[in-house]
Amino acid sequence: MDGVFNSSRMSDSRATGLDSEHMHTTTGALPTSVMVQKLDCSASPLDRLHQDVFELFLPSRPLSLHEVSGEFHRQCFNYRVGSIGFSNPGVAWRIEWQGTIEGALLMWQPEVMQKAASALFGEDISQLTWRKALGDYVPAIAYLGLDIANQVTSDYPAGEKHVELLIEALLSLCLRRYASTKVRDTALAGIMSRQVLLAINFINANLTVEFSIDEICAQSAVSKSHLNRLFRTEVGISTWEYVQRQRIQQAGKLLKTSNHTIGHISMLLRFNSRSNFARRFFLEYGCTPSEYRERG
């Protein structure tokens, strides 16, 4: 059956459809609430209540999503194991899915995240800009988080001190990847290879220029097949998929901030036809370019 997973606040906690006995909270220096989930919504929509916390969702098996709306707009999206979802307080999103969601949800109160940010980077979270993520492929975070969830829900077989160290490492990774300051940009966090960084810098500097995959490889001094392998490992998609996604995201910005026509934006970002542009835009945002602009 189809399901709906909605982060907007509701007054009745029973609307979550989750047994509170499945919630575990650590008592260490960085308290973490852990919920192991197996959700099969066959009767009514489910609504998330945890809008005032930082959430990390970690699927333990592949998951097919029908549609995502709210802060995210996407259709027909597949989570794979190693992917994660990250939301900061106040973010609202709605998800429809097919079948059963299995995985773990780790949650931190803002004061816990503040403690981690202060200890690790000497930062105040009120000065941080958070990057929301849906299906971000970060195996290092995914498997570390699932290990923590397994340890906590299995009564700490490796010891509570071990779990505290894992939580500290996990929060460090999340802060590095999703929290930015004026002097610390995390947009490329998790990218390790010089070749991918060179490719990304070239792509982002030339979104309105016609170029080929061979030119990207020349800038990175690496073969096409090897660059694709690096992109899939570190970014989660192929090199050319990254190009198209960056162009579509730039199109979204232009629709909000400029008076350019949709046709002009399509040509500016080097889509070969307006219909191809509209199709790719719909896959990324779940709506047409004109509908996206009308939302303001």
C-alpha atoms as a PDB file:
ATOM      1  CA  MET A   1       0.000   0.000   0.000  1.00  0.00           C
ATOM      2  CA  ASP A   2       1.022   3.586  -0.508  1.00  0.00           C
ATOM      3  CA  GLY A   3       2.199   5.655   2.447  1.00  0.00           C
ATOM      4  CA  VAL A   4       2.623   9.284   3.343  1.00  0.00           C
ATOM      5  CA  PHE A   5       5.393  10.588   5.613  1.00  0.00           C
ATOM      6  CA  ASN A   6       4.767  14.205   6.570  1.00  0.00           C
ATOM      7  CA  SER A   7       7.009  16.339   8.785  1.00  0.00           C
ATOM      8  CA  SER A   8       4.442  19.052   9.478  1.00  0.00           C
ATOM      9  CA  ARG A   9       3.471  19.418  13.153  1.00  0.00           C
ATOM     10  CA  MET A  10       0.289  17.772  14.489  1.00  0.00           C
ATOM     11  CA  SER A  11      -1.207  17.846  17.974  1.00  0.00           C
ATOM     12  CA  ASP A  12      -1.993  14.137  18.340  1.00  0.00           C
ATOM     13  CA  SER A  13       1.185  12.116  18.831  1.00  0.00           C
ATOM     14  CA  ARG A  14      -0.683   8.978  17.788  1.00  0.00           C
ATOM     15  CA  ALA A  15      -0.602  10.348  14.236  1.00  0.00           C
ATOM     16  CA  THR A  16       3.022   9.267  13.975  1.00  0.00           C
ATOM     17  CA  GLY A  17       1.956   5.636  13.841  1.00  0.00           C
ATOM     18  CA  LEU A  18       5.152   4.717  15.723  1.00  0.00           C
ATOM     19  CA  ASP A  19       5.295   2.770  18.958  1.00  0.00           C
ATOM     20  CA  SER A  20       7.068   4.922  21.575  1.00  0.00           C
ATOM     21  CA  GLU A  21       8.622   1.740  23.008  1.00  0.00           C
ATOM     22  CA  HIS A  22      10.857   1.717  19.939  1.00  0.00           C
ATOM     23  CA  MET A  23      12.430   5.057  20.921  1.00  0.00           C
ATOM     24  CA  HIS A  24      15.785   4.913  22.681  1.00  0.00           C
ATOM     25  CA  THR A  25      17.754   7.921  23.981  1.00  0.00           C
ATOM     26  CA  THR A  26      21.399   7.779  24.971  1.00  0.00           C
ATOM     27  CA  THR A  27      22.531   9.427  28.197  1.00  0.00           C
ATOM     28  CA  GLY A  28      26.056  10.471  27.206  1.00  0.00           C
ATOM     29  CA  ALA A  29      27.521  13.903  26.545  1.00  0.00           C
ATOM     30  CA  LEU A  30      25.627  14.191  23.228  1.00  0.00           C
ATOM     31  CA  PRO A  31      22.171  12.647  23.892  1.00  0.00           C
ATOM     32  CA  THR A  32      20.789  11.023  20.769  1.00  0.00           C
ATOM     33  CA  SER A  33      17.277   9.695  20.247  1.00  0.00           C
ATOM     34  CA  VAL A  34      17.172   6.590  18.088  1.00  0.00           C
ATOM     35  CA  MET A  35      14.082   5.104  16.507  1.00  0.00           C
ATOM     36  CA  VAL A  36      14.197   1.926  14.429  1.00  0.00           C
ATOM     37  CA  GLN A  37      11.366   2.110  11.930  1.00  0.00           C
ATOM     38  CA  LYS A  38       9.396  -0.356   9.883  1.00  0.00           C
ATOM     39  CA  LEU A  39       6.506   1.619   8.467  1.00  0.00           C
ATOM     40  CA  ASP A  40       3.800   0.168   6.243  1.00  0.00           C
ATOM     41  CA  CYS A  41       1.146   2.810   5.871  1.00  0.00           C
ATOM     42  CA  SER A  42      -1.906   0.939   4.647  1.00  0.00           C
ATOM     43  CA  ALA A  43      -4.701   2.846   6.402  1.00  0.00           C
ATOM     44  CA  SER A  44      -4.013   6.567   6.788  1.00  0.00           C
ATOM     45  CA  PRO A  45      -1.292   9.195   6.338  1.00  0.00           C
ATOM     46  CA  LEU A  46       1.446   9.468   8.937  1.00  0.00           C
ATOM     47  CA  ASP A  47       2.627  12.824  10.252  1.00  0.00           C
ATOM     48  CA  ARG A  48       6.009  13.564  11.751  1.00  0.00           C
ATOM     49  CA  LEU A  49       6.076  15.633  14.941  1.00  0.00           C
ATOM     50  CA  HIS A  50       9.830  16.201  15.232  1.00  0.00           C
ATOM     51  CA  GLN A  51      10.032  19.569  13.514  1.00  0.00           C
ATOM     52  CA  ASP A  52      12.145  21.102  16.280  1.00  0.00           C
ATOM     53  CA  VAL A  53      15.045  18.633  16.068  1.00  0.00           C
ATOM     54  CA  PHE A  54      17.832  17.688  13.713  1.00  0.00           C
ATOM     55  CA  GLU A  55      16.947  14.416  11.980  1.00  0.00           C
ATOM     56  CA  LEU A  56      19.094  11.864  10.184  1.00  0.00           C
ATOM     57  CA  PHE A  57      17.188   9.149   8.305  1.00  0.00           C
ATOM     58  CA  LEU A  58      19.100   5.970   7.418  1.00  0.00           C
ATOM     59  CA  PRO A  59      17.326   3.352   5.285  1.00  0.00           C
ATOM     60  CA  SER A  60      18.433  -0.209   5.939  1.00  0.00           C
ATOM     61  CA  ARG A  61      17.076  -1.457   2.627  1.00  0.00           C
ATOM     62  CA  PRO A  62      16.308   0.160  -0.752  1.00  0.00           C
ATOM     63  CA  LEU A  63      13.259   2.411  -0.801  1.00  0.00           C
ATOM     64  CA  SER A  64      11.181   3.709  -3.696  1.00  0.00           C
ATOM     65  CA  LEU A  65       9.554   7.122  -3.225  1.00  0.00           C
ATOM     66  CA  HIS A  66       6.627   8.307  -5.339  1.00  0.00           C
ATOM     67  CA  GLU A  67       6.857  12.005  -4.666  1.00  0.00           C
ATOM     68  CA  VAL A  68       8.517  14.462  -2.341  1.00  0.00           C
ATOM     69  CA  SER A  69       7.093  17.922  -1.741  1.00  0.00           C
ATOM     70  CA  GLY A  70       7.429  20.822   0.679  1.00  0.00           C
ATOM     71  CA  GLU A  71      11.070  21.844   1.098  1.00  0.00           C
ATOM     72  CA  PHE A  72      11.956  19.224  -1.524  1.00  0.00           C
ATOM     73  CA  HIS A  73      10.280  18.675  -4.884  1.00  0.00           C
ATOM     74  CA  ARG A  74      11.040  15.398  -6.578  1.00  0.00           C
ATOM     75  CA  GLN A  75       9.260  12.446  -8.137  1.00  0.00           C
ATOM     76  CA  CYS A  76      10.072   8.762  -8.638  1.00  0.00           C
ATOM     77  CA  PHE A  77      13.176   8.703  -6.465  1.00  0.00           C
ATOM     78  CA  ASN A  78      14.958   5.596  -5.219  1.00  0.00           C
ATOM     79  CA  TYR A  79      16.919   5.461  -1.978  1.00  0.00           C
ATOM     80  CA  ARG A  80      19.725   2.953  -1.958  1.00  0.00           C
ATOM     81  CA  VAL A  81      21.484   1.661   1.111  1.00  0.00           C
ATOM     82  CA  GLY A  82      24.272   4.136   1.838  1.00  0.00           C
ATOM     83  CA  SER A  83      21.936   7.087   1.176  1.00  0.00           C
ATOM     84  CA  ILE A  84      20.686   9.365   3.931  1.00  0.00           C
ATOM     85  CA  GLY A  85      18.184  12.119   4.573  1.00  0.00           C
ATOM     86  CA  PHE A  86      19.105  15.107   6.735  1.00  0.00           C
ATOM     87  CA  SER A  87      16.748  17.835   7.986  1.00  0.00           C
ATOM     88  CA  ASN A  88      17.374  20.745  10.323  1.00  0.00           C
ATOM     89  CA  PRO A  89      14.637  22.200  12.596  1.00  0.00           C
ATOM     90  CA  GLY A  90      11.749  23.895  10.851  1.00  0.00           C
ATOM     91  CA  VAL A  91      12.097  21.987   7.582  1.00  0.00           C
ATOM     92  CA  ALA A  92       8.796  20.578   6.329  1.00  0.00           C
ATOM     93  CA  TRP A  93       8.455  17.908   3.679  1.00  0.00           C
ATOM     94  CA  ARG A  94       5.941  15.301   2.603  1.00  0.00           C
ATOM     95  CA  ILE A  95       6.764  11.895   1.117  1.00  0.00           C
ATOM     96  CA  GLU A  96       4.598   9.291  -0.564  1.00  0.00           C
ATOM     97  CA  TRP A  97       6.031   5.817  -0.938  1.00  0.00           C
ATOM     98  CA  GLN A  98       5.284   2.291  -2.072  1.00  0.00           C
ATOM     99  CA  GLY A  99       5.531  -0.598   0.394  1.00  0.00           C
ATOM    100  CA  THR A 100       7.479  -0.568   3.648  1.00  0.00           C
ATOM    101  CA  ILE A 101      10.068   1.871   4.964  1.00  0.00           C
ATOM    102  CA  GLU A 102      12.789   0.167   6.976  1.00  0.00           C
ATOM    103  CA  GLY A 103      15.604   2.019   8.634  1.00  0.00           C
ATOM    104  CA  ALA A 104      16.651   4.158  11.564  1.00  0.00           C
ATOM    105  CA  LEU A 105      15.959   7.756  12.534  1.00  0.00           C
ATOM    106  CA  LEU A 106      18.512   9.572  14.709  1.00  0.00           C
ATOM    107  CA  MET A 107      17.437  12.841  16.327  1.00  0.00           C
ATOM    108  CA  TRP A 108      19.267  15.614  18.177  1.00  0.00           C
ATOM    109  CA  GLN A 109      17.856  18.562  20.082  1.00  0.00           C
ATOM    110  CA  PRO A 110      19.320  21.951  18.993  1.00  0.00           C
ATOM    111  CA  GLU A 111      21.246  22.273  22.259  1.00  0.00           C
ATOM    112  CA  VAL A 112      22.991  18.958  21.532  1.00  0.00           C
ATOM    113  CA  MET A 113      23.968  20.114  18.058  1.00  0.00           C
ATOM    114  CA  GLN A 114      25.178  23.386  19.578  1.00  0.00           C
ATOM    115  CA  LYS A 115      27.376  21.478  22.014  1.00  0.00           C
ATOM    116  CA  ALA A 116      28.871  19.444  19.177  1.00  0.00           C
ATOM    117  CA  ALA A 117      29.433  22.512  16.984  1.00  0.00           C
ATOM    118  CA  SER A 118      31.140  24.361  19.828  1.00  0.00           C
ATOM    119  CA  ALA A 119      33.362  21.436  20.787  1.00  0.00           C
ATOM    120  CA  LEU A 120      34.320  20.450  17.242  1.00  0.00           C
ATOM    121  CA  PHE A 121      34.537  23.797  15.418  1.00  0.00           C
ATOM    122  CA  GLY A 122      34.031  26.549  17.991  1.00  0.00           C
ATOM    123  CA  GLU A 123      30.857  27.616  16.157  1.00  0.00           C
ATOM    124  CA  ASP A 124      27.426  28.920  17.162  1.00  0.00           C
ATOM    125  CA  ILE A 125      24.644  27.100  15.311  1.00  0.00           C
ATOM    126  CA  SER A 126      22.678  30.352  15.019  1.00  0.00           C
ATOM    127  CA  GLN A 127      25.380  31.480  12.561  1.00  0.00           C
ATOM    128  CA  LEU A 128      25.284  28.299  10.482  1.00  0.00           C
ATOM    129  CA  THR A 129      23.522  27.775   7.168  1.00  0.00           C
ATOM    130  CA  TRP A 130      22.145  24.258   6.883  1.00  0.00           C
ATOM    131  CA  ARG A 131      21.989  22.228   3.695  1.00  0.00           C
ATOM    132  CA  LYS A 132      18.959  19.935   3.522  1.00  0.00           C
ATOM    133  CA  ALA A 133      19.483  16.527   1.954  1.00  0.00           C
ATOM    134  CA  LEU A 134      17.250  13.830   0.547  1.00  0.00           C
ATOM    135  CA  GLY A 135      18.862  10.637  -0.701  1.00  0.00           C
ATOM    136  CA  ASP A 136      22.362  12.036  -0.267  1.00  0.00           C
ATOM    137  CA  TYR A 137      24.772   9.167  -0.946  1.00  0.00           C
ATOM    138  CA  VAL A 138      27.242   9.272   1.950  1.00  0.00           C
ATOM    139  CA  PRO A 139      28.164   5.705   2.982  1.00  0.00           C
ATOM    140  CA  ALA A 140      30.476   6.938   5.753  1.00  0.00           C
ATOM    141  CA  ILE A 141      27.539   8.655   7.501  1.00  0.00           C
ATOM    142  CA  ALA A 142      24.974   5.987   6.599  1.00  0.00           C
ATOM    143  CA  TYR A 143      26.812   2.976   7.938  1.00  0.00           C
ATOM    144  CA  LEU A 144      28.128   4.783  11.016  1.00  0.00           C
ATOM    145  CA  GLY A 145      24.582   5.884  11.856  1.00  0.00           C
ATOM    146  CA  LEU A 146      23.167   2.391  11.347  1.00  0.00           C
ATOM    147  CA  ASP A 147      25.905   0.979  13.584  1.00  0.00           C
ATOM    148  CA  ILE A 148      24.953   3.466  16.314  1.00  0.00           C
ATOM    149  CA  ALA A 149      21.266   2.559  15.961  1.00  0.00           C
ATOM    150  CA  ASN A 150      22.088  -1.145  16.191  1.00  0.00           C
ATOM    151  CA  GLN A 151      24.279  -0.608  19.276  1.00  0.00           C
ATOM    152  CA  VAL A 152      21.672   1.522  21.074  1.00  0.00           C
ATOM    153  CA  THR A 153      18.700  -0.737  20.320  1.00  0.00           C
ATOM    154  CA  SER A 154      20.696  -3.874  21.226  1.00  0.00           C
ATOM    155  CA  ASP A 155      21.594  -2.614  24.727  1.00  0.00           C
ATOM    156  CA  TYR A 156      25.151  -1.473  23.902  1.00  0.00           C
ATOM    157  CA  PRO A 157      27.011  -4.735  23.148  1.00  0.00           C
ATOM    158  CA  ALA A 158      30.234  -2.757  22.535  1.00  0.00           C
ATOM    159  CA  GLY A 159      29.717  -0.529  25.579  1.00  0.00           C
ATOM    160  CA  GLU A 160      28.175   2.908  26.081  1.00  0.00           C
ATOM    161  CA  LYS A 161      31.540   4.700  25.875  1.00  0.00           C
ATOM    162  CA  HIS A 162      32.113   3.218  22.425  1.00  0.00           C
ATOM    163  CA  VAL A 163      28.699   4.491  21.283  1.00  0.00           C
ATOM    164  CA  GLU A 164      29.456   7.986  22.629  1.00  0.00           C
ATOM    165  CA  LEU A 165      32.608   8.088  20.501  1.00  0.00           C
ATOM    166  CA  LEU A 166      30.636   6.944  17.453  1.00  0.00           C
ATOM    167  CA  ILE A 167      28.031   9.664  18.025  1.00  0.00           C
ATOM    168  CA  GLU A 168      30.730  12.329  18.297  1.00  0.00           C
ATOM    169  CA  ALA A 169      32.258  11.113  15.013  1.00  0.00           C
ATOM    170  CA  LEU A 170      28.828  11.055  13.333  1.00  0.00           C
ATOM    171  CA  LEU A 171      27.983  14.601  14.409  1.00  0.00           C
ATOM    172  CA  SER A 172      31.370  15.780  13.164  1.00  0.00           C
ATOM    173  CA  LEU A 173      30.645  14.274   9.733  1.00  0.00           C
ATOM    174  CA  CYS A 174      27.149  15.785   9.623  1.00  0.00           C
ATOM    175  CA  LEU A 175      28.393  19.240  10.622  1.00  0.00           C
ATOM    176  CA  ARG A 176      31.158  19.125   8.028  1.00  0.00           C
ATOM    177  CA  ARG A 177      28.753  18.094   5.280  1.00  0.00           C
ATOM    178  CA  TYR A 178      25.577  20.035   6.045  1.00  0.00           C
ATOM    179  CA  ALA A 179      26.550  23.136   8.043  1.00  0.00           C
ATOM    180  CA  SER A 180      28.201  26.080   6.301  1.00  0.00           C
ATOM    181  CA  THR A 181      29.636  29.364   7.535  1.00  0.00           C
ATOM    182  CA  LYS A 182      31.027  32.339   5.637  1.00  0.00           C
ATOM    183  CA  VAL A 183      34.480  30.822   5.893  1.00  0.00           C
ATOM    184  CA  ARG A 184      33.607  27.134   5.729  1.00  0.00           C
ATOM    185  CA  ASP A 185      31.642  26.045   2.667  1.00  0.00           C
ATOM    186  CA  THR A 186      30.502  22.409   2.887  1.00  0.00           C
ATOM    187  CA  ALA A 187      28.989  22.150  -0.584  1.00  0.00           C
ATOM    188  CA  LEU A 188      31.850  19.872  -1.616  1.00  0.00           C
ATOM    189  CA  ALA A 189      32.224  18.083   1.713  1.00  0.00           C
ATOM    190  CA  GLY A 190      32.884  14.385   1.267  1.00  0.00           C
ATOM    191  CA  ILE A 191      34.604  14.890  -2.094  1.00  0.00           C
ATOM    192  CA  MET A 192      38.082  13.475  -1.680  1.00  0.00           C
ATOM    193  CA  SER A 193      39.675  13.086  -5.104  1.00  0.00           C
ATOM    194  CA  ARG A 194      41.392  15.968  -6.836  1.00  0.00           C
ATOM    195  CA  GLN A 195      40.002  14.841 -10.217  1.00  0.00           C
ATOM    196  CA  VAL A 196      36.370  15.194  -9.073  1.00  0.00           C
ATOM    197  CA  LEU A 197      37.024  18.598  -7.518  1.00  0.00           C
ATOM    198  CA  LEU A 198      38.637  19.817 -10.739  1.00  0.00           C
ATOM    199  CA  ALA A 199      35.680  18.504 -12.754  1.00  0.00           C
ATOM    200  CA  ILE A 200      33.116  20.107 -10.430  1.00  0.00           C
ATOM    201  CA  ASN A 201      34.896  23.465 -10.501  1.00  0.00           C
ATOM    202  CA  PHE A 202      34.971  23.375 -14.316  1.00  0.00           C
ATOM    203  CA  ILE A 203      31.308  22.346 -14.590  1.00  0.00           C
ATOM    204  CA  ASN A 204      30.015  24.969 -12.151  1.00  0.00           C
ATOM    205  CA  ALA A 205      32.007  27.721 -13.898  1.00  0.00           C
ATOM    206  CA  ASN A 206      30.599  26.806 -17.321  1.00  0.00           C
ATOM    207  CA  LEU A 207      26.917  25.981 -16.845  1.00  0.00           C
ATOM    208  CA  THR A 208      25.919  28.388 -19.631  1.00  0.00           C
ATOM    209  CA  VAL A 209      28.669  27.178 -21.993  1.00  0.00           C
ATOM    210  CA  GLU A 210      28.400  24.269 -24.397  1.00  0.00           C
ATOM    211  CA  PHE A 211      30.965  21.625 -23.447  1.00  0.00           C
ATOM    212  CA  SER A 212      31.401  17.880 -23.739  1.00  0.00           C
ATOM    213  CA  ILE A 213      32.290  15.127 -21.313  1.00  0.00           C
ATOM    214  CA  ASP A 214      35.674  14.911 -23.058  1.00  0.00           C
ATOM    215  CA  GLU A 215      36.415  18.533 -22.135  1.00  0.00           C
ATOM    216  CA  ILE A 216      35.579  17.790 -18.500  1.00  0.00           C
ATOM    217  CA  CYS A 217      37.960  14.821 -18.582  1.00  0.00           C
ATOM    218  CA  ALA A 218      40.690  16.967 -20.135  1.00  0.00           C
ATOM    219  CA  GLN A 219      40.331  19.489 -17.308  1.00  0.00           C
ATOM    220  CA  SER A 220      40.562  16.653 -14.777  1.00  0.00           C
ATOM    221  CA  ALA A 221      43.376  14.771 -16.540  1.00  0.00           C
ATOM    222  CA  VAL A 222      41.524  11.475 -16.247  1.00  0.00           C
ATOM    223  CA  SER A 223      39.700   9.069 -18.574  1.00  0.00           C
ATOM    224  CA  LYS A 224      35.926   9.188 -19.022  1.00  0.00           C
ATOM    225  CA  SER A 225      35.334   5.786 -17.437  1.00  0.00           C
ATOM    226  CA  HIS A 226      37.532   6.534 -14.436  1.00  0.00           C
ATOM    227  CA  LEU A 227      35.931   9.942 -13.860  1.00  0.00           C
ATOM    228  CA  ASN A 228      32.478   8.361 -13.967  1.00  0.00           C
ATOM    229  CA  ARG A 229      33.548   5.777 -11.393  1.00  0.00           C
ATOM    230  CA  LEU A 230      34.878   8.527  -9.128  1.00  0.00           C
ATOM    231  CA  PHE A 231      31.675  10.569  -9.498  1.00  0.00           C
ATOM    232  CA  ARG A 232      29.448   7.593  -8.709  1.00  0.00           C
ATOM    233  CA  THR A 233      31.537   6.762  -5.644  1.00  0.00           C
ATOM    234  CA  GLU A 234      31.881  10.295  -4.238  1.00  0.00           C
ATOM    235  CA  VAL A 235      28.836  12.161  -5.591  1.00  0.00           C
ATOM    236  CA  GLY A 236      26.435   9.259  -6.148  1.00  0.00           C
ATOM    237  CA  ILE A 237      25.655  10.001  -9.807  1.00  0.00           C
ATOM    238  CA  SER A 238      27.517  10.004 -13.121  1.00  0.00           C
ATOM    239  CA  THR A 239      29.504  13.001 -14.367  1.00  0.00           C
ATOM    240  CA  TRP A 240      26.912  14.044 -16.936  1.00  0.00           C
ATOM    241  CA  GLU A 241      24.035  13.533 -14.508  1.00  0.00           C
ATOM    242  CA  TYR A 242      25.825  15.996 -12.232  1.00  0.00           C
ATOM    243  CA  VAL A 243      26.060  18.502 -15.115  1.00  0.00           C
ATOM    244  CA  GLN A 244      22.332  18.217 -15.836  1.00  0.00           C
ATOM    245  CA  ARG A 245      21.382  18.482 -12.175  1.00  0.00           C
ATOM    246  CA  GLN A 246      23.521  21.600 -11.674  1.00  0.00           C
ATOM    247  CA  ARG A 247      21.966  23.208 -14.735  1.00  0.00           C
ATOM    248  CA  ILE A 248      18.450  22.391 -13.546  1.00  0.00           C
ATOM    249  CA  GLN A 249      19.205  23.797 -10.094  1.00  0.00           C
ATOM    250  CA  GLN A 250      20.605  26.950 -11.703  1.00  0.00           C
ATOM    251  CA  ALA A 251      17.402  27.144 -13.749  1.00  0.00           C
ATOM    252  CA  GLY A 252      15.394  27.017 -10.524  1.00  0.00           C
ATOM    253  CA  LYS A 253      17.395  29.964  -9.153  1.00  0.00           C
ATOM    254  CA  LEU A 254      16.889  31.976 -12.348  1.00  0.00           C
ATOM    255  CA  LEU A 255      13.143  31.315 -12.312  1.00  0.00           C
ATOM    256  CA  LYS A 256      13.001  32.821  -8.814  1.00  0.00           C
ATOM    257  CA  THR A 257      15.417  35.729  -9.277  1.00  0.00           C
ATOM    258  CA  SER A 258      15.167  36.847 -12.919  1.00  0.00           C
ATOM    259  CA  ASN A 259      12.573  37.918 -15.466  1.00  0.00           C
ATOM    260  CA  HIS A 260      13.990  35.679 -18.201  1.00  0.00           C
ATOM    261  CA  THR A 261      11.427  33.642 -20.084  1.00  0.00           C
ATOM    262  CA  ILE A 262      11.419  29.877 -19.595  1.00  0.00           C
ATOM    263  CA  GLY A 263      12.540  29.433 -23.188  1.00  0.00           C
ATOM    264  CA  HIS A 264      15.472  31.799 -22.670  1.00  0.00           C
ATOM    265  CA  ILE A 265      16.540  29.993 -19.484  1.00  0.00           C
ATOM    266  CA  SER A 266      16.330  26.684 -21.324  1.00  0.00           C
ATOM    267  CA  MET A 267      18.621  27.945 -24.097  1.00  0.00           C
ATOM    268  CA  LEU A 268      20.926  29.762 -21.678  1.00  0.00           C
ATOM    269  CA  LEU A 269      21.603  26.521 -19.799  1.00  0.00           C
ATOM    270  CA  ARG A 270      22.179  24.570 -23.002  1.00  0.00           C
ATOM    271  CA  PHE A 271      19.156  22.272 -23.079  1.00  0.00           C
ATOM    272  CA  ASN A 272      18.573  21.123 -26.636  1.00  0.00           C
ATOM    273  CA  SER A 273      14.815  21.654 -26.499  1.00  0.00           C
ATOM    274  CA  ARG A 274      12.258  23.253 -24.234  1.00  0.00           C
ATOM    275  CA  SER A 275      10.446  19.924 -23.863  1.00  0.00           C
ATOM    276  CA  ASN A 276      13.640  18.208 -22.692  1.00  0.00           C
ATOM    277  CA  PHE A 277      14.211  21.052 -20.243  1.00  0.00           C
ATOM    278  CA  ALA A 278      10.637  20.788 -18.910  1.00  0.00           C
ATOM    279  CA  ARG A 279      10.926  17.002 -18.522  1.00  0.00           C
ATOM    280  CA  ARG A 280      14.185  17.205 -16.563  1.00  0.00           C
ATOM    281  CA  PHE A 281      12.884  20.093 -14.475  1.00  0.00           C
ATOM    282  CA  PHE A 282       9.787  18.079 -13.537  1.00  0.00           C
ATOM    283  CA  LEU A 283      11.912  15.107 -12.479  1.00  0.00           C
ATOM    284  CA  GLU A 284      13.984  17.333 -10.195  1.00  0.00           C
ATOM    285  CA  TYR A 285      11.280  19.596  -8.709  1.00  0.00           C
ATOM    286  CA  GLY A 286       8.043  17.649  -9.217  1.00  0.00           C
ATOM    287  CA  CYS A 287       6.384  20.506 -11.103  1.00  0.00           C
ATOM    288  CA  THR A 288       6.687  22.438 -14.358  1.00  0.00           C
ATOM    289  CA  PRO A 289       8.961  25.513 -14.629  1.00  0.00           C
ATOM    290  CA  SER A 290       5.938  27.829 -14.827  1.00  0.00           C
ATOM    291  CA  GLU A 291       4.365  26.257 -11.714  1.00  0.00           C
ATOM    292  CA  TYR A 292       7.679  26.612  -9.873  1.00  0.00           C
ATOM    293  CA  ARG A 293       7.906  30.302 -10.773  1.00  0.00           C
ATOM    294  CA  GLU A 294       4.311  30.942  -9.716  1.00  0.00           C
ATOM    295  CA  ARG A 295       5.048  29.587  -6.239  1.00  0.00           C
ATOM    296  CA  GLY A 296       7.315  32.596  -5.706  1.00  0.00           C
END
